[in-house]
Every structure is written in structure tokens, then in C-alpha cells.
Protein backbone atom coordinates (compact mmCIF):
# COMPACT_ATOMS: atom_id res chain seq x y z
CA MET A 1 0.01 -0.02 0.04
CA ALA A 2 2.99 2.25 -0.46
CA GLY A 3 3.90 4.36 -3.59
CA CYS A 4 3.98 7.80 -5.12
CA THR A 5 0.84 9.70 -6.16
CA GLY A 6 1.88 13.35 -6.26
CA ALA A 7 -1.40 14.24 -4.51
CA SER A 8 -1.68 16.44 -1.46
CA ALA A 9 -1.81 14.98 1.86
CA PRO A 10 -5.37 14.17 2.97
CA THR A 11 -6.39 15.34 6.41
CA ALA A 12 -9.59 15.74 8.35
CA GLN A 13 -10.40 18.79 6.31
CA SER A 14 -10.09 16.90 3.13
CA ILE A 15 -13.14 14.77 4.22
CA ALA A 16 -15.05 17.47 6.19
CA GLY A 17 -18.75 17.14 5.42
CA LEU A 18 -18.32 13.88 3.30
CA THR A 19 -20.15 10.68 4.06
CA PRO A 20 -17.82 7.63 3.89
CA SER A 21 -18.21 5.78 0.73
CA GLY A 22 -17.49 2.53 2.53
CA SER A 23 -15.35 0.93 5.14
CA VAL A 24 -12.38 -1.44 5.33
CA THR A 25 -10.74 -3.85 7.70
CA LEU A 26 -7.28 -5.37 7.13
CA ASN A 27 -4.85 -7.68 8.72
CA GLU A 28 -1.24 -7.25 7.75
CA THR A 29 2.03 -8.74 8.67
CA PHE A 30 5.35 -6.83 8.29
CA ALA A 31 8.83 -8.48 8.54
CA ALA A 32 12.01 -6.74 7.67
CA GLY A 33 10.29 -3.70 6.20
CA TYR A 34 7.98 -5.87 3.73
CA GLY A 35 4.30 -6.59 4.35
CA GLY A 36 1.36 -8.40 3.04
CA GLY A 37 -2.00 -9.40 4.21
CA ARG A 38 -5.75 -9.45 3.45
CA GLY A 39 -8.57 -6.86 3.84
CA THR A 40 -12.27 -6.49 3.23
CA LEU A 41 -13.78 -3.48 1.66
CA ILE A 42 -17.60 -2.90 2.23
CA PHE A 43 -19.02 -0.75 -0.53
CA ASN A 44 -22.47 -0.17 -2.00
CA GLY A 45 -23.87 -3.03 0.03
CA GLY A 46 -21.24 -5.50 -1.24
CA THR A 47 -18.24 -7.10 0.57
CA TYR A 48 -15.02 -7.33 -1.50
CA PRO A 49 -11.87 -9.13 -0.27
CA PHE A 50 -8.54 -7.79 -1.39
CA THR A 51 -4.78 -8.51 -0.81
CA LEU A 52 -2.12 -6.11 0.51
CA VAL A 53 1.41 -5.99 -0.72
CA GLY A 54 3.84 -3.40 0.28
CA ALA A 55 6.96 -2.05 1.83
CA VAL A 56 7.66 0.25 4.74
CA VAL A 57 10.64 2.53 5.02
CA GLY A 58 12.03 2.28 8.63
CA PRO A 59 13.54 -0.20 10.98
CA GLY A 60 13.10 -4.01 10.43
CA GLY A 61 11.53 -6.36 12.76
CA ALA A 62 8.33 -8.23 12.69
CA GLU A 63 4.81 -7.00 13.49
CA ARG A 64 1.15 -7.89 12.90
CA VAL A 65 -1.33 -5.05 12.36
CA THR A 66 -5.10 -5.18 12.47
CA ALA A 67 -6.68 -1.98 11.25
CA SER A 68 -10.21 -0.67 10.21
CA GLY A 69 -11.56 2.64 8.92
CA GLU A 70 -13.53 4.63 6.43
CA VAL A 71 -13.15 5.07 2.74
CA TYR A 72 -13.89 8.29 1.19
CA LYS A 73 -14.23 9.60 -2.47
CA LEU A 74 -14.88 6.13 -3.93
CA ALA A 75 -17.38 6.48 -6.67
CA ASN A 76 -16.86 2.91 -8.21
CA LEU A 77 -15.15 -0.22 -7.29
CA GLU A 78 -12.54 0.16 -9.99
CA GLU A 79 -11.16 3.16 -8.15
CA PHE A 80 -10.16 1.24 -5.10
CA GLY A 81 -7.22 -0.67 -6.35
CA GLY A 82 -3.71 0.48 -6.93
CA ARG A 83 -0.89 2.01 -5.00
CA TYR A 84 -1.69 3.97 -1.88
CA THR A 85 0.56 6.46 -0.34
CA GLN A 86 0.91 7.03 3.41
CA PHE A 87 0.69 10.63 4.39
CA SER A 88 0.66 10.55 8.17
CA GLY A 89 0.79 8.24 11.19
CA ALA A 90 3.27 5.68 12.10
CA ALA A 91 4.75 3.75 9.32
CA GLY A 92 2.34 0.87 8.42
CA LEU A 93 0.51 1.76 11.75
CA SER A 94 3.57 0.16 13.42
CA ARG A 95 3.50 1.41 16.91
CA ALA A 96 2.18 -0.36 20.04
CA GLY A 97 -1.46 0.29 20.74
CA ALA A 98 -3.78 2.44 18.67
CA GLY A 99 -2.45 4.36 15.67
CA GLU A 100 -3.86 6.38 12.85
CA LEU A 101 -3.09 6.46 9.18
CA TRP A 102 -4.12 8.44 6.15
CA LEU A 103 -3.76 6.64 2.71
CA GLN A 104 -4.60 8.18 -0.77
CA ASN A 105 -4.35 6.49 -4.23
CA ASN A 106 -3.89 7.99 -7.62
CA ALA A 107 -7.74 7.98 -8.20
CA GLY A 108 -8.15 10.32 -5.12
CA VAL A 109 -9.66 7.57 -2.94
CA ILE A 110 -8.79 8.27 0.75
CA MET A 111 -8.71 5.71 3.52
CA HIS A 112 -8.57 6.92 7.14
CA LEU A 113 -7.46 3.92 9.32
CA TYR A 114 -7.25 3.22 12.90
CA SER A 115 -5.02 0.40 14.12
CA GLN A 116 -5.72 -2.06 17.01
CA THR A 117 -2.19 -3.40 16.99
């Protein structure tokens, strides 16, 4: 879920007044800076599984992350895929306890996630 989008960093102001388009839950494991896992998108009454593959810049180690949150600016399912860039929060939600993360892809889809690490 990492990459470069060239988009401005999403914040709470980016989604002010917007109703979430959907929600996501994910389980991800990182080891030595590389991660993978599975997630579920709930969108327009449907449930869609997806796979996570990514890398995190930072110290190595191993960690399992469980996160969930809202998806914004998703008009159709095809916009959900692709590379997401992390704009804030601990890298990969990789800190003990609760964490927060803002992600955005090239289509402008924003995910605001909270970890339960």
C-alpha cells in the first residue's frame, strides 16, 4: 500500500462534510520492512476481499497489524485498487497500541484507518 501519487496529503479537512463511501478492515504482517495481508472492503452493500502487498521505510522487525476505518471519495469499485501513499501516522501503523493512518491512491480515494495493534 505504498507508492507515489503526487497528491496533496489528505487530512480531516479533506473529508469534512463527506459521508464515507465505504469501510475497510485489514490484517497485515510486516517483517524486515516488507508486508502483506488481506482486507475487506464494504462498498454499496457488497463485501469485497482484497490482498495487500507493500514495503515500509524504517527499521526492520516483525509485526502484525489489524486496522479498520472509512473510505472516502470512492465512486466505483474500479477506483479502489492501486498504490496508496501513506501521508501521516506511524509507518504501516507500526506502533504499539492504537495508531492512525491516512492513505490516498492515484484515483483520489482516501482511507482513514485506525489500528488495533
